[in-house]
Amino acid sequence: MSENKNILQDSHGRDHAYLRISLIERCNLRCTYCMPEEGVKLSPKSSLMTYEEIYEIAKTFVDNGVTKIRLTGGEPLIRKDIPVILEKLATLPVELSITSNAVIIDKYIDVLKANGVNKINVSLDSLDEGKFKHITRRQEFKKVYNNILLLVKEGFTVKVNAVLMKGFNENEIIDFINFTKDLPVSVRFIEFMPFDGNKWDMSKMVSYAEVMRYVHDAFAEDEVERLQDAPNDTSKNYRIKGYQGSFAIISSVTNPFCDSCNRLRLTANGQLKNCLFSSTESDLLTTLRAGKPIEPVIQKAVWAKLKIRGGMDTLKKLQEPELHTNNRSMTAIGG
């Protein structure tokens, strides 16, 4: 391992300033691409991070260069001590944001504002109530839709994440883009990715190229404006001229953005994942509870990060089930 004192730099020279922290494995929806039909084996409560441990681990990362923290789940807002977690993390010099399914987010508007959480990512895979029920296995569409409108009204910066699946919602691509006509939201189309229990295969995936074919069939070439992507951005961003909002494609499968990746993930039971696709984890929580410094564990994990998608550097490897079924389901990783 390198003698580099920057513990958040990997062997490929990538610096990691963005930490995604999963607060809980449980969720109040049951999205098929995220959670296996039979559910997941949940970690016992005693092995989940307390709010004090979340803060202590987060502070270590911030002290070493993390500037952005996103809270995920499961559904982070169903954790009972979420107000305390937000209050603690808000004391750190970091941009704090959250990913939610927005089912109950209306109850937390004031808490989010009070703790400087201005950026909200909302998962919504269909604008059709029947399809929403099918994919989430729950009847919460109207609540989610109205809460997105509420978040916009309350001044939050809102991104809507839609996982595209062939034969299910690719015919809604233009509907989603038109959703941005009168609302200042960014709709982000995400290529369907392989995780344990979600029955992934390439035939179900709608690629970046396919999304753009839908776009160019519906809009004239001079109407589609390519936007400047932010540094380390995972998405390719566009806007239809005259629309208030924008849309983007996250093409983790067909056009991985690994060269500029600056993200690390901390699971709800305190395991550090250096890549979303990696099946290996590093136990920070046990080290912390033993009273030992976690910096050496972090440095070793970050340094070992592989160059592309946890070692699945070709589409052929990505299609080999044994290479991704050892990973967690998405709900247990954290979105």
Protein backbone atom coordinates (compact mmCIF):
# COMPACT_ATOMS: atom_id res chain seq x y z
CA MET A 1 0.00 0.00 0.00
CA SER A 2 1.13 3.54 -0.76
CA GLU A 3 2.69 5.71 1.93
CA ASN A 4 0.42 8.51 0.71
CA LYS A 5 -1.04 10.25 3.76
CA ASN A 6 -4.28 10.91 1.89
CA ILE A 7 -6.27 7.92 3.12
CA LEU A 8 -9.09 8.64 0.65
CA GLN A 9 -6.95 8.30 -2.47
CA ASP A 10 -6.91 4.95 -4.25
CA SER A 11 -4.16 3.25 -6.24
CA HIS A 12 -5.51 4.81 -9.46
CA GLY A 13 -5.11 8.36 -8.15
CA ARG A 14 -8.81 8.96 -7.49
CA ASP A 15 -9.65 11.12 -4.46
CA HIS A 16 -12.89 10.31 -2.66
CA ALA A 17 -14.77 13.32 -1.30
CA TYR A 18 -18.30 11.89 -1.38
CA LEU A 19 -19.66 9.47 1.23
CA ARG A 20 -23.06 7.81 0.99
CA ILE A 21 -24.30 6.57 4.36
CA SER A 22 -27.11 4.03 4.58
CA LEU A 23 -29.06 4.60 7.80
CA ILE A 24 -31.32 1.57 7.64
CA GLU A 25 -31.87 -1.60 5.61
CA ARG A 26 -35.65 -1.57 5.96
CA CYS A 27 -37.96 0.24 3.55
CA ASN A 28 -41.67 1.06 3.35
CA LEU A 29 -41.71 0.08 -0.35
CA ARG A 30 -40.65 -3.21 -1.99
CA CYS A 31 -39.22 -2.18 -5.38
CA THR A 32 -38.42 -5.27 -7.43
CA TYR A 33 -35.04 -4.06 -8.73
CA CYS A 34 -33.93 -3.15 -5.20
CA MET A 35 -35.33 -5.86 -2.94
CA PRO A 36 -35.73 -9.59 -3.67
CA GLU A 37 -39.34 -10.78 -3.69
CA GLU A 38 -38.73 -12.89 -0.59
CA GLY A 39 -37.28 -9.87 1.22
CA VAL A 40 -33.81 -9.64 2.72
CA LYS A 41 -32.28 -10.95 5.90
CA LEU A 42 -31.98 -7.84 8.05
CA SER A 43 -29.02 -7.15 10.29
CA PRO A 44 -29.87 -7.43 14.00
CA LYS A 45 -30.46 -4.04 15.61
CA SER A 46 -27.35 -4.45 17.78
CA SER A 47 -25.14 -4.55 14.67
CA LEU A 48 -26.53 -1.35 13.17
CA MET A 49 -24.73 1.94 13.70
CA THR A 50 -26.13 4.17 16.43
CA TYR A 51 -26.48 7.88 15.70
CA GLU A 52 -23.32 8.51 17.74
CA GLU A 53 -21.40 5.97 15.67
CA ILE A 54 -22.72 7.40 12.42
CA TYR A 55 -21.49 10.81 13.49
CA GLU A 56 -18.09 9.57 14.66
CA ILE A 57 -17.41 7.64 11.46
CA ALA A 58 -18.70 10.51 9.29
CA LYS A 59 -16.50 12.99 11.15
CA THR A 60 -13.44 10.83 10.45
CA PHE A 61 -14.21 10.91 6.75
CA VAL A 62 -14.83 14.67 6.78
CA ASP A 63 -11.58 15.26 8.68
CA ASN A 64 -9.83 13.41 5.86
CA GLY A 65 -11.40 15.23 2.93
CA VAL A 66 -15.03 14.24 2.44
CA THR A 67 -17.07 17.32 1.49
CA LYS A 68 -20.41 15.73 0.63
CA ILE A 69 -22.56 13.22 2.52
CA ARG A 70 -25.77 11.69 1.20
CA LEU A 71 -28.06 9.73 3.50
CA THR A 72 -29.74 6.68 2.01
CA GLY A 73 -31.43 3.42 3.01
CA GLY A 74 -33.66 1.41 2.71
CA GLU A 75 -35.79 4.44 3.40
CA PRO A 76 -33.77 6.72 5.70
CA LEU A 77 -36.79 8.64 6.96
CA ILE A 78 -38.32 5.59 8.66
CA ARG A 79 -35.43 5.55 11.11
CA LYS A 80 -36.89 6.97 14.33
CA ASP A 81 -33.82 9.00 15.28
CA ILE A 82 -33.45 10.64 11.86
CA PRO A 83 -33.92 14.17 13.35
CA VAL A 84 -31.03 13.57 15.74
CA ILE A 85 -28.84 12.11 12.98
CA LEU A 86 -29.49 15.14 10.78
CA GLU A 87 -28.80 17.53 13.64
CA LYS A 88 -25.49 15.85 14.46
CA LEU A 89 -24.27 15.64 10.85
CA ALA A 90 -25.31 19.24 10.19
CA THR A 91 -22.56 20.36 12.56
CA LEU A 92 -19.92 19.03 10.15
CA PRO A 93 -18.50 21.26 7.37
CA VAL A 94 -20.10 19.19 4.63
CA GLU A 95 -22.90 19.35 2.06
CA LEU A 96 -25.67 17.15 3.42
CA SER A 97 -28.33 15.61 1.16
CA ILE A 98 -30.74 12.69 1.22
CA THR A 99 -32.30 10.07 -1.06
CA SER A 100 -35.89 9.10 -0.24
CA ASN A 101 -38.91 7.44 -1.78
CA ALA A 102 -40.85 10.51 -0.52
CA VAL A 103 -43.72 8.48 0.97
CA ILE A 104 -43.47 10.28 4.33
CA ILE A 105 -41.13 13.15 3.50
CA ASP A 106 -43.88 15.75 4.02
CA LYS A 107 -43.56 15.11 7.76
CA TYR A 108 -39.88 16.12 7.70
CA ILE A 109 -39.89 19.34 5.68
CA ASP A 110 -39.07 21.52 8.69
CA VAL A 111 -36.41 19.11 10.01
CA LEU A 112 -34.68 18.98 6.63
CA LYS A 113 -34.71 22.77 6.29
CA ALA A 114 -33.49 23.30 9.86
CA ASN A 115 -30.44 21.14 9.17
CA GLY A 116 -29.52 22.59 5.79
CA VAL A 117 -30.64 19.62 3.69
CA ASN A 118 -31.60 21.34 0.45
CA LYS A 119 -31.00 18.61 -2.12
CA ILE A 120 -33.42 15.70 -2.27
CA ASN A 121 -33.28 12.71 -4.62
CA VAL A 122 -36.63 10.97 -4.97
CA SER A 123 -37.01 7.48 -6.42
CA LEU A 124 -39.97 7.28 -8.82
CA ASP A 125 -39.97 4.70 -11.61
CA SER A 126 -43.37 5.38 -13.18
CA LEU A 127 -45.84 8.22 -13.57
CA ASP A 128 -48.60 5.65 -13.93
CA GLU A 129 -50.34 4.68 -10.68
CA GLY A 130 -50.87 1.05 -11.70
CA LYS A 131 -47.24 0.58 -12.76
CA PHE A 132 -46.06 2.24 -9.58
CA LYS A 133 -48.01 -0.27 -7.51
CA HIS A 134 -46.59 -3.14 -9.58
CA ILE A 135 -42.95 -2.10 -9.20
CA THR A 136 -43.14 -1.01 -5.53
CA ARG A 137 -45.71 -3.60 -4.38
CA ARG A 138 -47.38 -0.74 -2.51
CA GLN A 139 -50.22 1.76 -3.23
CA GLU A 140 -48.42 5.04 -2.51
CA PHE A 141 -48.24 6.79 -5.89
CA LYS A 142 -50.43 9.81 -5.11
CA LYS A 143 -48.58 10.47 -1.87
CA VAL A 144 -45.17 10.34 -3.60
CA TYR A 145 -46.29 12.46 -6.55
CA ASN A 146 -47.84 15.13 -4.31
CA ASN A 147 -44.78 15.15 -2.06
CA ILE A 148 -42.53 15.83 -5.06
CA LEU A 149 -44.70 18.86 -5.87
CA LEU A 150 -44.53 19.90 -2.21
CA LEU A 151 -40.72 19.67 -2.15
CA VAL A 152 -40.51 21.89 -5.23
CA LYS A 153 -42.96 24.37 -3.69
CA GLU A 154 -40.88 24.46 -0.50
CA GLY A 155 -37.76 25.39 -2.45
CA PHE A 156 -35.80 22.15 -2.38
CA THR A 157 -33.58 21.11 -5.29
CA VAL A 158 -35.24 17.90 -6.47
CA LYS A 159 -33.91 15.09 -8.62
CA VAL A 160 -36.24 12.27 -9.64
CA ASN A 161 -34.51 8.93 -10.18
CA ALA A 162 -36.18 6.45 -12.53
CA VAL A 163 -34.70 2.99 -13.13
CA LEU A 164 -35.60 2.00 -16.69
CA MET A 165 -36.64 -1.58 -17.43
CA LYS A 166 -37.50 -2.84 -20.89
CA GLY A 167 -41.13 -3.81 -21.32
CA PHE A 168 -42.12 -1.89 -18.22
CA ASN A 169 -41.44 1.84 -18.29
CA GLU A 170 -39.31 2.74 -21.31
CA ASN A 171 -42.49 4.01 -22.98
CA GLU A 172 -42.64 6.69 -20.25
CA ILE A 173 -39.30 8.29 -21.09
CA ILE A 174 -40.93 11.20 -22.93
CA ASP A 175 -43.62 11.53 -20.23
CA PHE A 176 -40.87 11.92 -17.65
CA ILE A 177 -39.08 14.51 -19.77
CA ASN A 178 -42.33 16.44 -20.22
CA PHE A 179 -42.69 16.32 -16.42
CA THR A 180 -39.76 18.79 -16.42
CA LYS A 181 -41.55 21.28 -18.68
CA ASP A 182 -43.19 23.28 -15.91
CA LEU A 183 -41.25 21.99 -12.89
CA PRO A 184 -37.61 22.84 -12.04
CA VAL A 185 -36.70 19.21 -11.39
CA SER A 186 -34.08 16.95 -12.91
CA VAL A 187 -35.30 13.52 -14.02
CA ARG A 188 -32.48 11.00 -14.12
CA PHE A 189 -32.87 7.78 -16.10
CA ILE A 190 -30.80 4.98 -14.56
CA GLU A 191 -29.71 1.88 -16.43
CA PHE A 192 -30.96 -1.27 -14.68
CA MET A 193 -27.99 -2.70 -12.74
CA PRO A 194 -27.30 -6.20 -11.37
CA PHE A 195 -27.62 -6.86 -7.63
CA ASP A 196 -28.41 -9.90 -5.55
CA GLY A 197 -31.98 -11.10 -6.04
CA ASN A 198 -33.16 -8.58 -8.66
CA LYS A 199 -33.15 -11.06 -11.60
CA TRP A 200 -31.04 -8.76 -13.78
CA ASP A 201 -30.07 -9.53 -17.33
CA MET A 202 -29.00 -7.37 -20.24
CA SER A 203 -32.27 -7.89 -22.12
CA LYS A 204 -34.16 -5.96 -19.43
CA MET A 205 -31.86 -2.94 -19.60
CA VAL A 206 -32.63 0.29 -21.47
CA SER A 207 -29.29 1.77 -22.47
CA TYR A 208 -28.14 5.36 -22.73
CA ALA A 209 -28.19 5.07 -26.54
CA GLU A 210 -31.76 3.78 -26.49
CA VAL A 211 -32.91 6.62 -24.24
CA MET A 212 -31.45 9.15 -26.63
CA ARG A 213 -33.19 7.48 -29.57
CA TYR A 214 -36.51 8.07 -27.80
CA VAL A 215 -35.51 11.68 -27.18
CA HIS A 216 -34.53 12.40 -30.77
CA ASP A 217 -37.68 10.74 -32.09
CA ALA A 218 -39.80 13.07 -29.94
CA PHE A 219 -37.88 16.34 -30.19
CA ALA A 220 -36.10 18.23 -32.96
CA GLU A 221 -32.31 18.19 -32.79
CA ASP A 222 -32.11 21.90 -31.98
CA GLU A 223 -34.54 21.46 -29.07
CA VAL A 224 -32.25 19.05 -27.19
CA GLU A 225 -29.58 20.99 -25.31
CA ARG A 226 -26.53 19.23 -23.86
CA LEU A 227 -25.72 20.68 -20.45
CA GLN A 228 -22.34 20.95 -18.74
CA ASP A 229 -21.86 18.03 -16.36
CA ALA A 230 -20.55 18.79 -12.89
CA PRO A 231 -17.09 17.46 -11.90
CA ASN A 232 -17.31 13.77 -10.87
CA ASP A 233 -20.88 13.68 -12.17
CA THR A 234 -22.37 10.22 -12.73
CA SER A 235 -24.88 11.51 -15.28
CA LYS A 236 -24.95 12.97 -18.77
CA ASN A 237 -27.25 15.97 -18.54
CA TYR A 238 -29.68 17.48 -21.06
CA ARG A 239 -32.55 19.92 -21.26
CA ILE A 240 -35.33 20.58 -23.72
CA LYS A 241 -35.15 24.25 -24.67
CA GLY A 242 -37.83 26.23 -22.90
CA TYR A 243 -38.35 23.62 -20.19
CA GLN A 244 -37.82 24.64 -16.56
CA GLY A 245 -36.19 21.36 -15.59
CA SER A 246 -33.73 18.95 -17.16
CA PHE A 247 -33.09 15.24 -17.65
CA ALA A 248 -30.05 13.02 -17.46
CA ILE A 249 -28.90 9.45 -18.03
CA ILE A 250 -26.83 7.47 -15.54
CA SER A 251 -25.23 4.77 -17.67
CA SER A 252 -23.35 2.64 -15.14
CA VAL A 253 -23.58 -0.41 -17.40
CA THR A 254 -22.91 0.81 -20.94
CA ASN A 255 -20.81 3.90 -20.19
CA PRO A 256 -19.31 3.53 -16.71
CA PHE A 257 -17.96 6.71 -15.14
CA CYS A 258 -15.36 4.91 -13.02
CA ASP A 259 -12.42 7.09 -14.11
CA SER A 260 -13.82 10.05 -12.18
CA CYS A 261 -15.52 8.16 -9.35
CA ASN A 262 -15.17 9.91 -5.99
CA ARG A 263 -17.78 7.89 -4.05
CA LEU A 264 -17.61 5.56 -1.10
CA ARG A 265 -20.49 3.77 0.63
CA LEU A 266 -21.08 3.00 4.29
CA THR A 267 -23.75 0.38 4.97
CA ALA A 268 -26.18 0.59 7.88
CA ASN A 269 -24.19 -2.07 9.74
CA GLY A 270 -20.96 -0.13 9.40
CA GLN A 271 -19.31 -1.85 6.44
CA LEU A 272 -17.34 0.29 4.00
CA LYS A 273 -17.87 -0.53 0.32
CA ASN A 274 -15.34 1.10 -1.99
CA CYS A 275 -17.55 0.49 -5.04
CA LEU A 276 -21.25 -0.10 -5.57
CA PHE A 277 -20.45 -3.25 -7.55
CA SER A 278 -17.84 -4.62 -5.17
CA SER A 279 -18.64 -7.79 -3.21
CA THR A 280 -15.92 -7.04 -0.65
CA GLU A 281 -16.49 -4.93 2.45
CA SER A 282 -14.38 -3.51 5.27
CA ASP A 283 -15.72 -3.56 8.82
CA LEU A 284 -15.46 -0.07 10.33
CA LEU A 285 -18.04 -0.58 13.06
CA THR A 286 -16.33 -3.49 14.82
CA THR A 287 -13.05 -1.60 14.74
CA LEU A 288 -14.72 1.51 16.16
CA ARG A 289 -16.45 -0.44 18.92
CA ALA A 290 -13.15 -2.04 19.85
CA GLY A 291 -11.75 1.43 20.50
CA LYS A 292 -9.29 1.20 17.63
CA PRO A 293 -8.67 3.88 14.97
CA ILE A 294 -10.65 3.32 11.77
CA GLU A 295 -8.33 5.32 9.51
CA PRO A 296 -6.06 2.34 8.65
CA VAL A 297 -9.12 0.25 7.69
CA ILE A 298 -10.43 3.08 5.51
CA GLN A 299 -7.08 3.59 3.80
CA LYS A 300 -6.65 -0.11 3.05
CA ALA A 301 -10.18 -0.37 1.64
CA VAL A 302 -9.87 2.73 -0.53
CA TRP A 303 -6.44 1.77 -1.83
CA ALA A 304 -7.79 -1.63 -2.89
CA LYS A 305 -10.57 -0.13 -5.04
CA LEU A 306 -10.53 -1.68 -8.51
CA LYS A 307 -10.45 0.50 -11.59
CA ILE A 308 -13.84 -0.41 -13.07
CA ARG A 309 -17.11 -1.71 -11.49
CA GLY A 310 -15.57 -3.87 -8.79
CA GLY A 311 -13.51 -5.73 -11.38
CA MET A 312 -16.37 -6.28 -13.84
CA ASP A 313 -14.62 -4.27 -16.52
CA THR A 314 -16.46 -5.77 -19.51
CA LEU A 315 -20.13 -6.37 -20.30
CA LYS A 316 -19.29 -10.08 -20.58
CA LYS A 317 -18.13 -10.16 -16.95
CA LEU A 318 -21.16 -8.16 -15.87
CA GLN A 319 -23.38 -10.86 -17.34
CA GLU A 320 -21.76 -13.63 -15.28
CA PRO A 321 -24.15 -14.11 -12.30
CA GLU A 322 -21.47 -15.43 -9.96
CA LEU A 323 -19.67 -12.09 -10.21
CA HIS A 324 -22.57 -10.02 -8.86
CA THR A 325 -24.77 -12.35 -6.80
CA ASN A 326 -22.15 -12.27 -4.02
CA ASN A 327 -22.95 -8.58 -3.64
CA ARG A 328 -25.77 -7.36 -1.40
CA SER A 329 -29.22 -6.48 -2.65
CA MET A 330 -29.55 -2.75 -3.32
CA THR A 331 -31.67 -2.09 -0.25
CA ALA A 332 -28.91 -3.54 1.95
CA ILE A 333 -26.18 -1.50 0.23
CA GLY A 334 -27.88 1.88 0.30
CA GLY A 335 -29.05 3.69 -2.81
